Protein backbone atom coordinates (compact mmCIF):
# COMPACT_ATOMS: atom_id res chain seq x y z
CA MET A 1 12.32 6.56 30.27
CA VAL A 2 10.57 3.35 29.25
CA VAL A 3 12.50 0.30 30.46
CA GLN A 4 13.64 -2.04 27.70
CA ASP A 5 11.36 -4.98 28.55
CA GLU A 6 8.35 -2.69 28.62
CA LYS A 7 9.35 -1.15 25.30
CA LEU A 8 9.67 -4.58 23.71
CA SER A 9 6.26 -5.56 25.02
CA ARG A 10 4.66 -2.36 23.74
CA ILE A 11 6.19 -2.72 20.29
CA ARG A 12 5.04 -6.34 20.00
CA ASP A 13 1.57 -5.47 21.26
CA ALA A 14 1.28 -2.73 18.64
CA VAL A 15 1.60 -5.16 15.70
CA PRO A 16 -1.87 -5.38 14.11
CA PRO A 17 -3.65 -8.76 14.32
CA GLN A 18 -3.36 -9.33 10.56
CA GLY A 19 0.34 -8.48 10.66
CA LEU A 20 2.12 -6.20 8.20
CA PHE A 21 3.85 -8.53 5.73
CA ALA A 22 2.52 -11.99 4.88
CA GLU A 23 4.85 -14.77 6.05
CA LYS A 24 7.76 -12.42 6.80
CA ASP A 25 9.61 -11.53 9.97
CA TRP A 26 12.42 -9.26 11.13
CA LEU A 27 14.53 -8.38 14.16
CA LEU A 28 13.23 -5.88 16.68
CA SER A 29 15.39 -3.04 17.96
CA PRO A 30 14.82 -0.67 20.86
CA ASP A 31 16.39 2.13 18.84
CA PRO A 32 15.51 4.00 15.67
CA PHE A 33 18.36 4.36 13.19
CA SER A 34 20.00 7.74 13.74
CA ILE A 35 21.11 10.14 11.02
CA GLU A 36 22.69 13.55 11.40
CA LYS A 37 20.85 16.79 10.72
CA LYS A 38 23.19 17.52 7.80
CA PHE A 39 22.28 14.22 6.13
CA LEU A 40 18.58 14.83 6.74
CA ALA A 41 18.91 18.14 4.87
CA GLU A 42 20.55 16.23 2.01
CA LEU A 43 17.67 13.73 1.96
CA ASP A 44 15.12 16.55 1.81
CA GLN A 45 16.85 17.91 -1.29
CA LEU A 46 17.27 14.46 -2.85
CA GLY A 47 13.51 14.04 -3.14
CA HIS A 48 13.11 16.98 -5.50
CA ARG A 49 16.18 15.98 -7.50
CA LEU A 50 14.71 12.53 -8.09
CA PHE A 51 11.36 14.01 -9.07
CA VAL A 52 13.10 16.17 -11.66
CA PHE A 53 15.10 13.13 -12.79
CA GLN A 54 11.95 11.04 -13.30
CA ARG A 55 10.29 13.91 -15.12
CA ALA A 56 13.31 14.10 -17.43
CA CYS A 57 13.17 10.32 -17.99
CA ASN A 58 9.53 10.62 -19.00
CA GLN A 59 10.37 13.44 -21.41
CA LEU A 60 13.37 11.67 -22.93
CA TYR A 61 11.32 8.60 -23.78
CA GLN A 62 8.58 10.66 -25.41
CA LEU A 63 11.07 12.76 -27.38
CA SER A 64 12.73 9.55 -28.56
CA VAL A 65 9.37 8.19 -29.75
CA ARG A 66 8.76 11.42 -31.68
CA GLY A 67 12.21 11.36 -33.29
CA LYS A 68 13.54 14.38 -31.38
CA GLN A 69 16.00 12.29 -29.37
CA PRO A 70 17.83 9.12 -30.50
CA ALA A 71 15.41 6.34 -31.48
CA TRP A 72 17.51 3.76 -29.66
CA VAL A 73 16.41 5.21 -26.30
CA ALA A 74 12.78 4.12 -26.79
CA ARG A 75 13.92 0.89 -28.45
CA TYR A 76 15.92 -0.07 -25.36
CA LEU A 77 13.11 0.88 -22.99
CA ASP A 78 10.42 -0.96 -24.97
CA ALA A 79 12.42 -4.18 -25.34
CA GLY A 80 10.43 -7.29 -24.42
CA LYS A 81 7.16 -5.47 -23.77
CA PRO A 82 3.82 -6.27 -25.46
CA PRO A 83 2.85 -3.80 -28.22
CA LYS A 84 -0.52 -3.18 -26.55
CA LEU A 85 1.17 -2.08 -23.32
CA ILE A 86 3.60 0.15 -25.22
CA GLU A 87 0.69 1.77 -27.02
CA LEU A 88 -1.15 2.35 -23.75
CA SER A 89 1.90 3.92 -22.11
CA ARG A 90 2.13 6.47 -24.93
CA ARG A 91 -1.45 7.75 -24.73
CA LYS A 92 -1.72 11.50 -24.46
CA GLU A 93 -4.18 11.20 -21.56
CA ILE A 94 -1.36 10.05 -19.27
CA ARG A 95 1.54 11.77 -21.04
CA ASP A 96 2.60 13.86 -18.04
CA ASP A 97 1.73 11.35 -15.30
CA LEU A 98 4.57 10.42 -12.96
CA PRO A 99 4.81 8.21 -9.85
CA ARG A 100 3.43 9.95 -6.78
CA VAL A 101 5.65 7.97 -4.41
CA ILE A 102 9.41 7.91 -4.94
CA ARG A 103 11.50 5.49 -2.90
CA PRO A 104 15.19 5.24 -3.64
CA ASP A 105 17.22 2.43 -2.11
CA LEU A 106 20.28 4.13 -0.60
CA VAL A 107 23.39 2.20 0.39
CA LEU A 108 25.25 4.11 3.10
CA THR A 109 28.98 4.05 2.31
CA GLU A 110 32.18 5.35 3.87
CA ASN A 111 31.95 8.43 1.63
CA GLY A 112 28.22 9.12 1.95
CA TYR A 113 25.69 7.09 -0.03
CA ILE A 114 24.81 5.77 -3.45
CA ILE A 115 21.39 5.06 -4.98
CA ALA A 116 21.20 1.36 -5.76
CA GLU A 117 17.89 1.87 -7.59
CA ILE A 118 14.60 3.77 -7.51
CA ASP A 119 11.45 1.80 -6.80
CA SER A 120 8.30 3.19 -8.42
CA VAL A 121 6.04 0.53 -6.85
CA PRO A 122 7.57 0.35 -3.39
CA GLY A 123 6.68 -1.91 -0.53
CA GLY A 124 7.11 -0.81 3.05
CA ILE A 125 4.76 2.19 3.05
CA GLY A 126 2.45 0.72 5.68
CA LEU A 127 5.31 -0.90 7.60
CA THR A 128 7.19 2.40 7.82
CA GLY A 129 3.98 4.15 8.85
CA TRP A 130 3.48 1.59 11.64
CA LEU A 131 7.11 1.84 12.77
CA ASN A 132 6.91 5.64 12.83
CA GLN A 133 3.71 5.59 14.89
CA THR A 134 5.00 2.94 17.30
CA TYR A 135 8.46 4.41 17.93
CA SER A 136 7.16 7.97 18.15
CA ALA A 137 5.72 6.96 21.52
CA PHE A 138 9.32 6.66 22.77
CA ASP A 139 11.38 8.89 20.46
CA LYS A 140 10.30 12.38 19.45
CA GLU A 141 12.64 12.95 16.49
CA ILE A 142 11.35 10.21 14.17
CA ILE A 143 11.66 11.38 10.57
CA GLY A 144 8.14 12.10 9.35
CA GLY A 145 6.71 11.93 12.85
CA ALA A 146 3.91 9.62 13.94
CA ASP A 147 1.60 10.46 11.03
CA GLY A 148 3.92 11.47 8.19
CA MET A 149 3.49 8.31 6.14
CA LEU A 150 -0.28 8.46 6.54
CA ASP A 151 -0.31 12.11 5.49
CA GLY A 152 1.90 11.27 2.53
CA PHE A 153 -0.22 8.39 1.29
CA GLN A 154 -3.39 10.41 1.75
CA SER A 155 -1.88 13.02 -0.58
CA VAL A 156 -1.72 10.27 -3.24
CA LEU A 157 -5.43 9.38 -2.82
CA PRO A 158 -6.83 12.54 -1.19
CA ASP A 159 -10.50 11.69 -1.79
CA GLY A 160 -10.23 8.00 -1.01
CA GLY A 161 -9.60 5.30 -3.58
CA ASP A 162 -8.81 1.68 -4.26
CA ILE A 163 -5.45 0.10 -3.47
CA VAL A 164 -5.29 -2.72 -6.01
CA VAL A 165 -2.90 -5.52 -5.03
CA SER A 166 -2.02 -8.51 -7.20
CA GLN A 167 -1.36 -12.03 -5.97
CA GLU A 168 2.29 -11.53 -6.95
CA ALA A 169 2.44 -8.64 -4.46
CA ALA A 170 0.23 -10.29 -1.81
CA THR A 171 3.07 -10.16 0.73
CA TYR A 172 2.39 -6.44 1.04
CA ARG A 173 -1.39 -6.60 1.29
CA PRO A 174 -1.51 -6.53 5.12
CA GLU A 175 0.49 -3.31 5.35
CA MET A 176 -1.78 -1.63 2.80
CA GLU A 177 -4.81 -2.78 4.78
CA TRP A 178 -3.26 -1.14 7.84
CA ILE A 179 -2.82 2.12 5.88
CA ALA A 180 -6.40 2.00 4.58
CA ALA A 181 -7.83 1.35 8.06
CA ARG A 182 -5.87 4.21 9.64
CA LEU A 183 -6.98 6.65 6.94
CA LYS A 184 -10.59 5.54 7.37
CA GLU A 185 -10.34 6.23 11.11
CA ARG A 186 -9.21 9.77 10.33
CA HIS A 187 -11.85 10.44 7.64
CA ARG A 188 -15.11 8.59 8.22
CA ASP A 189 -16.71 10.23 5.19
CA LEU A 190 -14.11 8.81 2.78
CA GLU A 191 -13.23 5.26 1.83
CA TRP A 192 -9.91 3.61 1.06
CA ARG A 193 -10.27 -0.03 0.03
CA VAL A 194 -7.68 -2.74 -0.54
CA MET A 195 -8.83 -4.82 -3.50
CA ALA A 196 -7.52 -7.95 -5.21
CA ALA A 197 -6.32 -7.08 -8.71
CA GLU A 198 -7.48 -10.44 -10.08
CA ASN A 199 -11.20 -9.61 -9.72
CA TYR A 200 -11.14 -5.82 -9.60
CA GLU A 201 -13.79 -3.88 -11.48
CA PRO A 202 -13.08 -0.16 -11.88
CA GLN A 203 -15.60 2.50 -10.94
CA ASP A 204 -15.73 5.78 -12.85
CA ASP A 205 -14.04 8.67 -11.04
CA ARG A 206 -12.54 6.26 -8.50
CA ALA A 207 -8.77 6.74 -8.04
CA VAL A 208 -6.57 3.62 -8.11
CA TYR A 209 -3.23 3.04 -6.43
CA ARG A 210 -1.51 0.28 -8.39
CA PHE A 211 0.31 -2.25 -6.25
CA PHE A 212 1.33 -4.69 -8.96
CA GLU A 213 4.16 -4.87 -11.42
CA LEU A 214 3.37 -4.44 -15.09
CA PHE A 215 5.11 -7.70 -16.05
CA ASP A 216 2.37 -9.41 -14.02
CA LEU A 217 -0.51 -8.18 -16.21
CA PRO A 218 -0.99 -11.52 -18.05
CA ASN A 219 -1.73 -13.14 -14.66
CA ILE A 220 -4.46 -10.64 -13.74
CA PRO A 221 -7.85 -11.56 -15.27
CA ASN A 222 -10.04 -8.68 -16.44
CA ILE A 223 -7.20 -6.17 -16.07
CA ASP A 224 -8.11 -4.85 -19.52
CA ASN A 225 -11.22 -3.21 -18.04
CA THR A 226 -9.08 -1.22 -15.62
CA LEU A 227 -6.53 -0.27 -18.28
CA ARG A 228 -9.28 0.78 -20.68
CA ALA A 229 -10.95 2.96 -18.05
CA ASN A 230 -7.61 4.65 -17.40
CA ALA A 231 -6.90 5.16 -21.10
CA GLU A 232 -10.33 6.74 -21.56
CA GLY A 233 -9.82 9.08 -18.62
CA ARG A 234 -12.59 7.55 -16.48
CA ILE A 235 -10.21 6.65 -13.65
CA THR A 236 -6.72 7.67 -12.61
CA ILE A 237 -4.00 5.14 -11.85
CA THR A 238 -0.81 5.81 -9.93
CA PRO A 239 1.93 4.78 -10.43
CA PRO A 240 1.06 5.35 -14.10
CA ILE A 241 0.94 2.53 -16.65
CA LYS A 242 4.37 3.39 -18.00
CA PRO A 243 6.66 0.35 -17.99
CA TYR A 244 9.49 2.40 -19.46
CA LEU A 245 9.71 4.42 -16.22
CA GLU A 246 10.27 1.26 -14.17
CA GLU A 247 13.51 0.16 -15.81
CA LYS A 248 16.83 0.04 -13.96
CA MET A 249 18.53 0.95 -17.24
CA TRP A 250 17.80 4.64 -16.59
CA PHE A 251 21.03 4.74 -14.57
CA ALA A 252 22.93 3.46 -17.62
CA LEU A 253 21.19 6.01 -19.88
CA PHE A 254 22.09 8.73 -17.37
CA TRP A 255 25.80 8.02 -17.89
CA MET A 256 25.74 7.73 -21.71
CA GLN A 257 27.83 10.38 -23.42
CA PRO A 258 25.37 10.95 -26.33
CA LEU A 259 22.68 11.94 -23.81
CA ARG A 260 24.90 14.08 -21.60
CA GLU A 261 23.65 17.44 -22.88
CA PHE A 262 20.03 16.37 -22.54
CA TRP A 263 20.52 15.52 -18.88
CA ARG A 264 22.45 18.70 -18.18
CA ARG A 265 19.73 20.81 -19.79
CA GLU A 266 16.72 19.07 -18.23
CA LEU A 267 18.17 18.56 -14.76
CA GLY A 268 20.12 21.78 -14.56
CA GLU A 269 23.87 21.86 -13.95
CA LYS A 270 23.58 21.64 -10.15
CA TYR A 271 21.22 18.66 -10.09
CA PHE A 272 23.20 16.93 -12.85
CA ILE A 273 26.42 17.13 -10.82
CA LYS A 274 24.71 16.12 -7.58
CA LEU A 275 23.16 13.04 -9.18
CA GLN A 276 26.49 12.07 -10.73
CA GLU A 277 27.82 11.85 -7.17
CA VAL A 278 25.21 9.29 -6.06
CA ILE A 279 24.12 7.34 -9.17
CA PRO A 280 26.60 4.45 -9.60
CA TYR A 281 28.19 4.16 -13.02
CA SER A 282 26.17 1.69 -15.08
CA TRP A 283 26.27 0.13 -18.53
CA LEU A 284 23.71 -1.58 -20.77
CA LEU A 285 24.89 -5.01 -21.90
CA ASP A 286 24.03 -4.36 -25.53
CA PRO A 287 25.65 -7.10 -27.65
CA THR A 288 25.90 -4.84 -30.73
CA PRO A 289 29.53 -5.11 -32.00
CA LEU A 290 31.76 -2.05 -31.67
CA PRO A 291 34.27 -0.85 -34.26
CA GLN A 292 37.73 -2.28 -33.62
CA HIS A 293 39.10 1.06 -32.39
CA ALA A 294 36.27 1.70 -29.89
CA VAL A 295 36.07 0.66 -26.25
CA ILE A 296 33.33 0.51 -23.60
CA PRO A 297 33.80 3.54 -21.31
CA ARG A 298 35.67 2.96 -18.03
CA LEU A 299 36.10 -0.75 -18.71
CA GLU A 300 38.39 -0.24 -21.71
CA ILE A 301 37.17 -3.39 -23.44
CA ASN A 302 35.89 -3.79 -26.98
CA ASP A 303 33.44 -6.65 -26.41
CA TRP A 304 31.29 -7.59 -23.42
CA ARG A 305 32.69 -11.10 -23.54
CA GLU A 306 36.00 -9.61 -22.46
CA ALA A 307 34.24 -8.63 -19.20
CA ALA A 308 33.72 -12.34 -18.63
CA LYS A 309 37.49 -12.71 -18.48
CA LEU A 310 38.05 -10.04 -15.82
CA SER A 311 39.89 -11.22 -12.73
CA GLN A 312 37.92 -11.67 -9.53
CA LYS A 313 39.53 -8.51 -8.14
CA ASP A 314 38.18 -6.51 -11.09
CA ARG A 315 34.69 -7.99 -10.87
CA ASP A 316 33.20 -5.67 -8.25
CA LEU A 317 30.34 -5.36 -10.71
CA LEU A 318 26.65 -6.11 -10.36
CA LEU A 319 24.57 -7.73 -13.07
CA LYS A 320 20.94 -6.60 -12.80
CA VAL A 321 17.92 -7.52 -14.89
CA SER A 322 16.64 -4.10 -15.91
CA GLY A 323 12.91 -4.64 -15.46
CA PHE A 324 9.63 -6.05 -16.81
CA SER A 325 10.45 -9.45 -15.40
CA PRO A 326 9.90 -11.26 -12.09
CA LEU A 327 13.69 -11.22 -11.88
CA GLY A 328 13.66 -7.42 -11.97
CA TRP A 329 11.84 -7.22 -8.63
CA GLY A 330 13.87 -7.25 -5.40
CA SER A 331 17.24 -9.00 -5.46
CA ARG A 332 16.16 -12.00 -7.53
CA GLY A 333 17.86 -10.88 -10.74
CA ILE A 334 21.09 -9.55 -9.22
CA ALA A 335 24.53 -11.18 -9.22
CA LEU A 336 27.85 -9.84 -7.91
CA GLY A 337 30.76 -10.77 -10.14
CA ALA A 338 33.31 -10.91 -7.33
CA ASP A 339 31.25 -13.58 -5.55
CA LEU A 340 30.86 -15.89 -8.53
CA PRO A 341 33.28 -18.53 -9.81
CA HIS A 342 34.78 -17.50 -13.14
CA ALA A 343 32.78 -20.06 -15.14
CA GLN A 344 29.49 -18.93 -13.58
CA TRP A 345 30.29 -15.25 -14.15
CA GLU A 346 31.05 -16.05 -17.80
CA GLN A 347 27.73 -17.89 -18.11
CA ARG A 348 25.85 -14.94 -16.62
CA ILE A 349 27.44 -12.51 -19.08
CA GLU A 350 26.67 -14.79 -22.02
CA HIS A 351 23.06 -15.24 -20.90
CA ALA A 352 22.61 -11.46 -20.51
CA LEU A 353 23.88 -10.90 -24.06
CA GLU A 354 21.72 -13.65 -25.53
CA THR A 355 18.52 -12.38 -23.88
CA PHE A 356 19.14 -8.65 -24.30
CA GLU A 357 16.45 -8.08 -26.93
CA GLN A 358 13.77 -9.65 -24.70
CA SER A 359 15.06 -8.74 -21.23
CA PRO A 360 17.88 -6.19 -21.09
CA THR A 361 20.49 -6.42 -18.34
CA ILE A 362 22.65 -3.67 -16.90
CA LEU A 363 26.10 -3.83 -15.34
CA GLN A 364 26.70 -1.54 -12.37
CA ARG A 365 29.62 -0.64 -10.14
CA PHE A 366 29.30 -2.29 -6.74
CA HIS A 367 29.70 -0.02 -3.71
CA LYS A 368 30.28 -1.72 -0.39
CA GLY A 369 28.19 -0.46 2.49
CA ARG A 370 29.74 1.11 5.56
CA LEU A 371 29.53 -0.85 8.83
CA PHE A 372 27.26 0.36 11.62
CA GLU A 373 26.51 -1.03 15.05
CA HIS A 374 22.87 -1.30 16.08
CA ARG A 375 21.18 -2.94 19.03
CA TYR A 376 18.51 -5.61 18.74
CA TRP A 377 16.58 -7.85 21.08
CA ASP A 378 17.72 -11.45 21.19
CA ILE A 379 14.97 -13.68 22.50
CA GLY A 380 15.99 -17.22 23.30
CA GLY A 381 19.75 -16.91 23.43
CA SER A 382 20.65 -16.62 19.74
CA ALA A 383 23.39 -14.46 18.33
CA ALA A 384 23.70 -12.19 15.33
CA PRO A 385 26.28 -13.00 12.69
CA SER A 386 29.68 -11.61 13.58
CA ASP A 387 31.69 -9.30 11.34
CA ASP A 388 33.41 -12.23 9.62
CA GLY A 389 30.13 -13.97 8.92
CA ASN A 390 30.56 -16.65 11.58
CA LYS A 391 27.72 -17.17 14.03
CA ASN A 392 28.19 -17.56 17.74
CA ALA A 393 25.02 -19.56 18.29
CA ALA A 394 21.76 -20.52 16.62
CA SER A 395 20.89 -19.07 13.22
CA PRO A 396 19.02 -16.87 12.50
CA PRO A 397 18.71 -14.64 15.60
CA LYS A 398 15.44 -15.40 17.38
CA SER A 399 14.43 -11.88 18.29
CA SER A 400 12.54 -11.82 15.04
CA ILE A 401 8.87 -10.97 15.09
CA GLU A 402 6.42 -12.63 12.73
CA LEU A 403 4.99 -9.84 10.63
CA ALA A 404 1.97 -11.94 9.78
CA THR A 405 0.92 -12.49 13.41
CA GLY A 406 2.85 -10.18 15.71
CA ARG A 407 4.19 -13.19 17.64
CA VAL A 408 7.81 -13.65 18.54
CA ARG A 409 9.19 -16.54 16.51
CA PRO A 410 9.51 -19.58 18.79
CA THR A 411 12.97 -20.87 19.62
CA GLY A 412 12.31 -24.37 20.82
CA GLY A 413 9.61 -26.80 21.79
CA GLN A 414 6.33 -25.75 23.32
CA GLY A 415 6.70 -24.43 26.82
CA THR A 416 10.36 -23.51 26.34
CA ALA A 417 11.30 -20.55 28.53
CA ARG A 418 12.86 -17.67 26.65
CA SER A 419 15.13 -14.95 28.00
CA THR A 420 15.46 -11.53 26.45
CA GLU A 421 18.87 -9.98 25.93
CA LEU A 422 20.01 -6.83 24.19
CA LYS A 423 22.81 -7.50 21.72
CA THR A 424 24.61 -5.47 19.09
CA MET A 425 24.78 -6.30 15.41
CA LYS A 426 27.53 -4.99 13.19
CA GLY A 427 25.91 -4.57 9.81
CA ARG A 428 25.38 -2.58 6.63
CA VAL A 429 22.45 -0.29 6.02
CA ARG A 430 19.96 0.17 3.22
CA LEU A 431 18.07 3.38 3.87
CA CYS A 432 14.75 3.85 2.08
CA PRO A 433 13.37 7.39 2.31
CA TYR A 434 9.76 7.76 1.18
CA PHE A 435 9.05 10.90 -0.83
CA PHE A 436 5.50 11.87 -1.69
CA VAL A 437 4.92 14.13 -4.69
CA GLU A 438 2.42 16.83 -3.83
CA PRO A 439 1.20 19.61 -6.16
CA ASP A 440 3.70 22.16 -4.86
CA ARG A 441 6.47 20.10 -3.26
CA VAL A 442 8.11 16.73 -2.79
CA LYS A 443 7.98 15.80 0.89
CA LEU A 444 9.99 13.30 2.90
CA GLN A 445 7.58 11.52 5.25
CA GLY A 446 9.60 8.63 6.61
CA ALA A 447 12.77 6.58 6.17
CA LEU A 448 13.00 2.83 6.69
CA ALA A 449 16.41 1.49 7.74
CA THR A 450 17.26 -2.13 7.00
CA ILE A 451 20.39 -3.24 8.85
CA VAL A 452 21.71 -6.57 7.58
CA PRO A 453 24.57 -8.66 8.98
CA ALA A 454 28.01 -7.60 7.79
CA ASP A 455 28.58 -10.74 5.72
CA LYS A 456 25.58 -10.05 3.47
CA LYS A 457 26.36 -8.38 0.15
CA PHE A 458 22.77 -7.64 -0.93
CA LEU A 459 20.93 -5.35 1.44
CA HIS A 460 17.26 -6.25 1.73
CA GLY A 461 14.71 -7.42 4.28
CA MET A 462 15.47 -10.87 5.68
CA ARG A 463 14.88 -12.89 8.84
CA ASP A 464 18.15 -11.80 10.41
CA ALA A 465 17.89 -8.12 9.45
CA ILE A 466 16.83 -5.29 11.73
CA LEU A 467 14.05 -3.04 10.41
CA ALA A 468 13.73 0.30 12.16
CA PRO A 469 12.41 3.80 11.54
CA SER A 470 14.91 6.64 11.28
CA GLN A 471 15.42 9.57 13.59
CA VAL A 472 17.47 12.75 13.40
CA SER A 473 20.12 13.36 16.00
CA ASP A 474 22.89 15.89 16.59
CA LYS A 475 25.45 13.14 16.15
CA ALA A 476 24.64 9.81 14.51
């Protein structure tokens, strides 16, 4: 058994010199996040269900374009996008292309879990790979094992390739450099390169992993050369240049009654029912007037402006920018109605309706995460937020490690002595399983747990959050 101080030292020493995320830090824990074997079996099955779901999304859009499904489906999904990009996404050369990495954001609840969203261009691949390798030295049941994330990413670029990262996504460049270096160590005859999107020049027959959002294309000089090479079949790009697949509105389309039979047919009855259990009910804030006798399902209102008048108790609803916008990335374009003053909630609704044609917004049921207790190292005598959101000492906790340098964040002036203490945070969990789509299967290769203080409503990486790999146990 490795003593705790030695484990902390070994974890810190394992952080690569260039770090993993630029200018980001997190709290270190001695423990992986534990899940039960039954839940692990559910996660294994979820990967294939989401692959089938994304395949059905791809088909629905194309059928809508060809007039074999309602035209409004493609109209919604194309809203606000440049005609040239729409044309490119419809080319027959990439018609069947789908993302090779699927990462859902799962919120663990009292009754199981819900899928907050699916990220087609996910961060955290290298970080999760590093966490899995590092913690596998102490814990043998890490999901994916020491090399699962590396094996998974290699399946995406099996013969080497270029990982093209934009300035917008530069935070994640160090973790992709870590991935590329580890793969190169394993296969000296192949080459994985991390390249800046802004000056990238494609090479024929060279595979590209796209680490930039499609809304960012206007900020990437010479990107037309890369897009043209892909359209002409000279290079492959994954995730594919299909902005319609990267919209959050797919959850709203999933619940629409006119599309119900399509989903049942393409997903199969079993997958359709299973996904209904975990996809939160969502609506598109389309300002089109309804007939006087009609109501919006489950809200029983005739006009979205009536939603602005809901009481605070009835506003457990999330507003989310659907996509193709800087606000569609991370939590920047999300607002929880119950947390907003009435006037601000009303303004948000009005803005969503006014901008719908350029940047659609969805409304989604909010599901509160279940509380878990998880240990973390407190260096320097700080304290994690308590269950009621109050803090017992300095904020944020100072057990955080700088992802850019591997150094523990300082707590005082130079030369200040720091003690190390194990404490327990009560928090909510976002679990991000990483599924890699291989020719004959969809394989779970790792799961990143983000444990945030109990008073936080939006679950994402932050200075006072614990990031840990996941392990399977007989009893979580």
